[in-house]
Each structure stands twice: as C-alpha cells, then as structure tokens.
C-alpha cells in the first residue's frame, strides 16, 4: 500500500472507528471482543482498500465490521456469555443523586436489557438506525439485505422493544 493510499485510508476510513466499535460492541456484547473484532476489521479494510471506490466509507467499514462480528460469533458460539451493554461508564454514586438521574439510569438499563434480548438480525438494524443514524439504504448496504427487509426488521425489532419495555407500539415508532 502506497503512502498516498495510507493517507487516503486515514482520512476517509479512520474517522469512523468509533461507529465501528459501537456496532461491534452491540453485536458481540463484550468490550474486549469488540475491540478485537474492530482491529480485525480494520486490518481487512486496509488489505482490501485498493478495491474501495469513492462512496460511503462509513457504510463500507461497518459492513466489514458486521461481517467480522458474524464470523466471530460463529466461531465463539459455544463459549459466548452475553454481557449486557452498558452505554454509560461506571462511576461512584453521589449520596445526593437525584431521583430523576436514578430513574434515567434505570430506564437506560431496561432499554439495554431489552435490546440485548433481541435476535441479532433485529438488534443490528436497530443499532444501525437509531444509534448510528444510518439511512435505510446504508443499512441495506451494511447488512446485505434489500431495503424492504431492513424496514421490516426495524418495524419488528421496534415492536419487540416496545413490548419488552411495556410501551404501546405507537409510542415506540
């Protein structure tokens, strides 16, 4: 890989590493495994970067990350101990913590558990749409399914989330 290609890779792909880690973290459900998966995905991206034509580098990288996650999950199926995703960092609780913050933390934990309980095919599209804010087309490219399937999975995933959280379907959409 030439220095020009390295510079180009760093400029257009590396800014999406946080998104890559977030997706991997939600799919493999372990921060250390997610780091390993992203590292593998970046190495693959570098290896095949010559084949990348100008386009959506974020979707391209996330597709590689997703594929690496699926490979990792297949290889580690028997040894997988799902650890719920905690999007917040752990901190010492202040004895004067307000009820509102406690309620917010409880709601976030409930959402995390509900999201973890979703089948992978629903969880990945929910994460890509609601957290990564990808368009249906970008999700279609990342997951490798038609847009209609993306829309169907999103609707079904949202319905399952709403049900798990005790919300009405209208509130979840």
C-alpha atoms as a PDB file:
ATOM      1  CA  UNK A   1       0.000   0.000   0.000  1.00  0.00           C
ATOM      2  CA  UNK A   2       1.492   3.333  -1.047  1.00  0.00           C
ATOM      3  CA  UNK A   3       1.850   6.278   1.315  1.00  0.00           C
ATOM      4  CA  UNK A   4      -0.822   8.052  -0.715  1.00  0.00           C
ATOM      5  CA  UNK A   5      -3.245   5.172  -0.081  1.00  0.00           C
ATOM      6  CA  UNK A   6      -2.354   5.137   3.622  1.00  0.00           C
ATOM      7  CA  UNK A   7      -3.070   8.867   3.857  1.00  0.00           C
ATOM      8  CA  UNK A   8      -6.352   8.403   1.999  1.00  0.00           C
ATOM      9  CA  UNK A   9      -7.338   5.489   4.255  1.00  0.00           C
ATOM     10  CA  UNK A  10      -6.575   7.509   7.378  1.00  0.00           C
ATOM     11  CA  UNK A  11      -8.552  10.466   6.047  1.00  0.00           C
ATOM     12  CA  UNK A  12     -11.733   8.690   4.946  1.00  0.00           C
ATOM     13  CA  UNK A  13     -11.957   5.464   6.973  1.00  0.00           C
ATOM     14  CA  UNK A  14     -10.378   6.057  10.378  1.00  0.00           C
ATOM     15  CA  UNK A  15     -12.861   8.779  11.416  1.00  0.00           C
ATOM     16  CA  UNK A  16     -15.485   6.005  11.572  1.00  0.00           C
ATOM     17  CA  UNK A  17     -13.689   3.854  14.164  1.00  0.00           C
ATOM     18  CA  UNK A  18     -15.998   4.908  16.999  1.00  0.00           C
ATOM     19  CA  UNK A  19     -19.017   3.853  14.944  1.00  0.00           C
ATOM     20  CA  UNK A  20     -17.283   0.580  14.122  1.00  0.00           C
ATOM     21  CA  UNK A  21     -16.629  -0.114  17.799  1.00  0.00           C
ATOM     22  CA  UNK A  22     -20.198   0.775  18.792  1.00  0.00           C
ATOM     23  CA  UNK A  23     -21.622  -1.654  16.244  1.00  0.00           C
ATOM     24  CA  UNK A  24     -19.206  -4.406  17.255  1.00  0.00           C
ATOM     25  CA  UNK A  25     -19.933  -3.812  20.944  1.00  0.00           C
ATOM     26  CA  UNK A  26     -23.656  -4.258  20.412  1.00  0.00           C
ATOM     27  CA  UNK A  27     -23.233  -7.336  18.223  1.00  0.00           C
ATOM     28  CA  UNK A  28     -20.620  -9.314  20.182  1.00  0.00           C
ATOM     29  CA  UNK A  29     -21.700  -7.895  23.576  1.00  0.00           C
ATOM     30  CA  UNK A  30     -18.242  -7.684  25.110  1.00  0.00           C
ATOM     31  CA  UNK A  31     -15.964  -4.671  25.029  1.00  0.00           C
ATOM     32  CA  UNK A  32     -12.711  -6.621  24.690  1.00  0.00           C
ATOM     33  CA  UNK A  33     -14.064  -8.913  21.996  1.00  0.00           C
ATOM     34  CA  UNK A  34     -15.467  -5.860  20.189  1.00  0.00           C
ATOM     35  CA  UNK A  35     -12.017  -4.263  20.233  1.00  0.00           C
ATOM     36  CA  UNK A  36     -10.527  -7.437  18.742  1.00  0.00           C
ATOM     37  CA  UNK A  37     -13.221  -7.592  16.076  1.00  0.00           C
ATOM     38  CA  UNK A  38     -12.713  -3.947  15.100  1.00  0.00           C
ATOM     39  CA  UNK A  39      -8.957  -4.465  14.925  1.00  0.00           C
ATOM     40  CA  UNK A  40      -9.510  -7.434  12.601  1.00  0.00           C
ATOM     41  CA  UNK A  41     -11.987  -5.406  10.539  1.00  0.00           C
ATOM     42  CA  UNK A  42      -9.556  -2.511  10.141  1.00  0.00           C
ATOM     43  CA  UNK A  43      -6.820  -4.898   9.026  1.00  0.00           C
ATOM     44  CA  UNK A  44      -9.223  -6.336   6.446  1.00  0.00           C
ATOM     45  CA  UNK A  45     -10.212  -2.838   5.362  1.00  0.00           C
ATOM     46  CA  UNK A  46      -6.555  -1.934   4.842  1.00  0.00           C
ATOM     47  CA  UNK A  47      -5.948  -5.169   2.941  1.00  0.00           C
ATOM     48  CA  UNK A  48      -8.869  -4.521   0.560  1.00  0.00           C
ATOM     49  CA  UNK A  49      -8.745  -0.738   0.452  1.00  0.00           C
ATOM     50  CA  UNK A  50      -7.454  -0.719  -3.119  1.00  0.00           C
ATOM     51  CA  UNK A  51     -10.832  -2.135  -4.150  1.00  0.00           C
ATOM     52  CA  UNK A  52     -12.751   0.653  -2.393  1.00  0.00           C
ATOM     53  CA  UNK A  53     -14.167   3.115  -4.875  1.00  0.00           C
ATOM     54  CA  UNK A  54     -15.308   6.528  -3.758  1.00  0.00           C
ATOM     55  CA  UNK A  55     -18.538   6.053  -1.891  1.00  0.00           C
ATOM     56  CA  UNK A  56     -19.770   5.839   1.657  1.00  0.00           C
ATOM     57  CA  UNK A  57     -16.669   4.863   3.643  1.00  0.00           C
ATOM     58  CA  UNK A  58     -18.688   4.596   6.842  1.00  0.00           C
ATOM     59  CA  UNK A  59     -21.114   2.049   5.391  1.00  0.00           C
ATOM     60  CA  UNK A  60     -18.203   0.195   3.770  1.00  0.00           C
ATOM     61  CA  UNK A  61     -16.322  -0.080   7.081  1.00  0.00           C
ATOM     62  CA  UNK A  62     -19.456  -1.002   9.042  1.00  0.00           C
ATOM     63  CA  UNK A  63     -20.202  -3.783   6.549  1.00  0.00           C
ATOM     64  CA  UNK A  64     -16.721  -5.183   7.159  1.00  0.00           C
ATOM     65  CA  UNK A  65     -17.202  -4.861  10.932  1.00  0.00           C
ATOM     66  CA  UNK A  66     -20.577  -6.606  10.735  1.00  0.00           C
ATOM     67  CA  UNK A  67     -19.088  -9.460   8.703  1.00  0.00           C
ATOM     68  CA  UNK A  68     -16.220  -9.797  11.178  1.00  0.00           C
ATOM     69  CA  UNK A  69     -18.738  -9.857  14.048  1.00  0.00           C
ATOM     70  CA  UNK A  70     -20.765 -12.588  12.379  1.00  0.00           C
ATOM     71  CA  UNK A  71     -17.600 -14.637  11.820  1.00  0.00           C
ATOM     72  CA  UNK A  72     -16.543 -14.102  15.432  1.00  0.00           C
ATOM     73  CA  UNK A  73     -19.997 -15.096  16.714  1.00  0.00           C
ATOM     74  CA  UNK A  74     -19.977 -18.311  14.651  1.00  0.00           C
ATOM     75  CA  UNK A  75     -16.508 -19.221  15.921  1.00  0.00           C
ATOM     76  CA  UNK A  76     -17.343 -18.487  19.576  1.00  0.00           C
ATOM     77  CA  UNK A  77     -20.959 -19.664  19.685  1.00  0.00           C
ATOM     78  CA  UNK A  78     -20.486 -22.208  22.491  1.00  0.00           C
ATOM     79  CA  UNK A  79     -18.355 -20.042  24.753  1.00  0.00           C
ATOM     80  CA  UNK A  80     -20.390 -16.863  24.487  1.00  0.00           C
ATOM     81  CA  UNK A  81     -21.528 -15.348  27.771  1.00  0.00           C
ATOM     82  CA  UNK A  82     -23.662 -12.371  26.847  1.00  0.00           C
ATOM     83  CA  UNK A  83     -22.851  -9.354  28.966  1.00  0.00           C
ATOM     84  CA  UNK A  84     -25.491  -6.640  28.727  1.00  0.00           C
ATOM     85  CA  UNK A  85     -24.279  -3.490  27.065  1.00  0.00           C
ATOM     86  CA  UNK A  86     -23.889  -0.542  29.418  1.00  0.00           C
ATOM     87  CA  UNK A  87     -23.595   2.632  27.379  1.00  0.00           C
ATOM     88  CA  UNK A  88     -22.689   4.682  30.431  1.00  0.00           C
ATOM     89  CA  UNK A  89     -19.477   4.484  32.321  1.00  0.00           C
ATOM     90  CA  UNK A  90     -19.439   3.271  35.871  1.00  0.00           C
ATOM     91  CA  UNK A  91     -18.950   5.959  38.459  1.00  0.00           C
ATOM     92  CA  UNK A  92     -19.212   6.299  42.195  1.00  0.00           C
ATOM     93  CA  UNK A  93     -22.730   7.281  43.149  1.00  0.00           C
ATOM     94  CA  UNK A  94     -23.141  10.600  44.891  1.00  0.00           C
ATOM     95  CA  UNK A  95     -25.238  10.231  48.014  1.00  0.00           C
ATOM     96  CA  UNK A  96     -27.281  13.231  46.830  1.00  0.00           C
ATOM     97  CA  UNK A  97     -28.106  11.716  43.444  1.00  0.00           C
ATOM     98  CA  UNK A  98     -31.469  12.943  42.294  1.00  0.00           C
ATOM     99  CA  UNK A  99     -34.444  10.698  41.679  1.00  0.00           C
ATOM    100  CA  UNK A 100     -34.502  11.829  38.055  1.00  0.00           C
ATOM    101  CA  UNK A 101     -30.972  10.554  37.456  1.00  0.00           C
ATOM    102  CA  UNK A 102     -31.783   7.267  39.168  1.00  0.00           C
ATOM    103  CA  UNK A 103     -34.896   6.848  37.034  1.00  0.00           C
ATOM    104  CA  UNK A 104     -32.954   7.697  33.874  1.00  0.00           C
ATOM    105  CA  UNK A 105     -30.283   5.119  34.747  1.00  0.00           C
ATOM    106  CA  UNK A 106     -32.966   2.502  35.436  1.00  0.00           C
ATOM    107  CA  UNK A 107     -34.676   3.234  32.119  1.00  0.00           C
ATOM    108  CA  UNK A 108     -31.358   3.032  30.282  1.00  0.00           C
ATOM    109  CA  UNK A 109     -30.628  -0.329  31.918  1.00  0.00           C
ATOM    110  CA  UNK A 110     -34.095  -1.619  30.969  1.00  0.00           C
ATOM    111  CA  UNK A 111     -33.559  -0.493  27.383  1.00  0.00           C
ATOM    112  CA  UNK A 112     -30.153  -2.176  27.314  1.00  0.00           C
ATOM    113  CA  UNK A 113     -31.623  -5.451  28.578  1.00  0.00           C
ATOM    114  CA  UNK A 114     -34.465  -5.276  26.055  1.00  0.00           C
ATOM    115  CA  UNK A 115     -32.011  -4.551  23.238  1.00  0.00           C
ATOM    116  CA  UNK A 116     -29.760  -7.430  24.327  1.00  0.00           C
ATOM    117  CA  UNK A 117     -32.748  -9.774  24.289  1.00  0.00           C
ATOM    118  CA  UNK A 118     -33.496  -9.058  20.625  1.00  0.00           C
ATOM    119  CA  UNK A 119     -32.371 -11.565  17.998  1.00  0.00           C
ATOM    120  CA  UNK A 120     -29.190 -10.406  16.232  1.00  0.00           C
ATOM    121  CA  UNK A 121     -30.983  -9.565  12.965  1.00  0.00           C
ATOM    122  CA  UNK A 122     -33.248  -7.060  14.766  1.00  0.00           C
ATOM    123  CA  UNK A 123     -30.593  -5.702  17.132  1.00  0.00           C
ATOM    124  CA  UNK A 124     -28.169  -4.857  14.345  1.00  0.00           C
ATOM    125  CA  UNK A 125     -30.682  -2.843  12.300  1.00  0.00           C
ATOM    126  CA  UNK A 126     -31.948  -1.030  15.413  1.00  0.00           C
ATOM    127  CA  UNK A 127     -28.362  -0.107  16.364  1.00  0.00           C
ATOM    128  CA  UNK A 128     -27.506   0.986  12.829  1.00  0.00           C
ATOM    129  CA  UNK A 129     -30.642   3.121  12.515  1.00  0.00           C
ATOM    130  CA  UNK A 130     -31.251   4.522  15.991  1.00  0.00           C
ATOM    131  CA  UNK A 131     -27.716   4.765  17.353  1.00  0.00           C
ATOM    132  CA  UNK A 132     -25.555   5.050  14.241  1.00  0.00           C
ATOM    133  CA  UNK A 133     -28.279   7.029  12.411  1.00  0.00           C
ATOM    134  CA  UNK A 134     -27.708   5.305   9.080  1.00  0.00           C
ATOM    135  CA  UNK A 135     -30.262   5.621   6.314  1.00  0.00           C
ATOM    136  CA  UNK A 136     -32.250   2.581   5.180  1.00  0.00           C
ATOM    137  CA  UNK A 137     -30.056   2.422   2.082  1.00  0.00           C
ATOM    138  CA  UNK A 138     -26.864   2.485   4.157  1.00  0.00           C
ATOM    139  CA  UNK A 139     -28.228  -0.222   6.463  1.00  0.00           C
ATOM    140  CA  UNK A 140     -29.143  -2.259   3.397  1.00  0.00           C
ATOM    141  CA  UNK A 141     -25.549  -1.946   2.170  1.00  0.00           C
ATOM    142  CA  UNK A 142     -24.058  -2.831   5.569  1.00  0.00           C
ATOM    143  CA  UNK A 143     -26.304  -5.811   6.291  1.00  0.00           C
ATOM    144  CA  UNK A 144     -26.538  -7.008   2.692  1.00  0.00           C
ATOM    145  CA  UNK A 145     -30.326  -7.262   2.501  1.00  0.00           C
ATOM    146  CA  UNK A 146     -32.910  -5.334   0.466  1.00  0.00           C
ATOM    147  CA  UNK A 147     -34.285  -2.057   1.868  1.00  0.00           C
ATOM    148  CA  UNK A 148     -37.696  -3.681   2.331  1.00  0.00           C
ATOM    149  CA  UNK A 149     -36.126  -6.289   4.598  1.00  0.00           C
ATOM    150  CA  UNK A 150     -34.390  -3.527   6.574  1.00  0.00           C
ATOM    151  CA  UNK A 151     -37.715  -1.753   7.029  1.00  0.00           C
ATOM    152  CA  UNK A 152     -39.434  -4.975   8.070  1.00  0.00           C
ATOM    153  CA  UNK A 153     -36.710  -5.859  10.578  1.00  0.00           C
ATOM    154  CA  UNK A 154     -36.810  -2.349  12.017  1.00  0.00           C
ATOM    155  CA  UNK A 155     -40.575  -2.475  12.446  1.00  0.00           C
ATOM    156  CA  UNK A 156     -40.477  -5.912  14.033  1.00  0.00           C
ATOM    157  CA  UNK A 157     -37.498  -5.008  16.234  1.00  0.00           C
ATOM    158  CA  UNK A 158     -39.149  -1.798  17.415  1.00  0.00           C
ATOM    159  CA  UNK A 159     -42.349  -3.700  18.168  1.00  0.00           C
ATOM    160  CA  UNK A 160     -40.428  -6.261  20.240  1.00  0.00           C
ATOM    161  CA  UNK A 161     -38.577  -3.484  22.081  1.00  0.00           C
ATOM    162  CA  UNK A 162     -41.823  -1.679  22.807  1.00  0.00           C
ATOM    163  CA  UNK A 163     -43.394  -4.879  24.084  1.00  0.00           C
ATOM    164  CA  UNK A 164     -40.387  -5.698  26.274  1.00  0.00           C
ATOM    165  CA  UNK A 165     -40.469  -2.178  27.728  1.00  0.00           C
ATOM    166  CA  UNK A 166     -44.225  -2.241  28.266  1.00  0.00           C
ATOM    167  CA  UNK A 167     -44.828   0.573  25.783  1.00  0.00           C
ATOM    168  CA  UNK A 168     -47.565   0.876  23.210  1.00  0.00           C
ATOM    169  CA  UNK A 169     -46.455   0.348  19.625  1.00  0.00           C
ATOM    170  CA  UNK A 170     -47.342   3.945  18.703  1.00  0.00           C
ATOM    171  CA  UNK A 171     -45.013   5.286  21.399  1.00  0.00           C
ATOM    172  CA  UNK A 172     -42.060   3.281  20.100  1.00  0.00           C
ATOM    173  CA  UNK A 173     -42.254   4.392  16.464  1.00  0.00           C
END
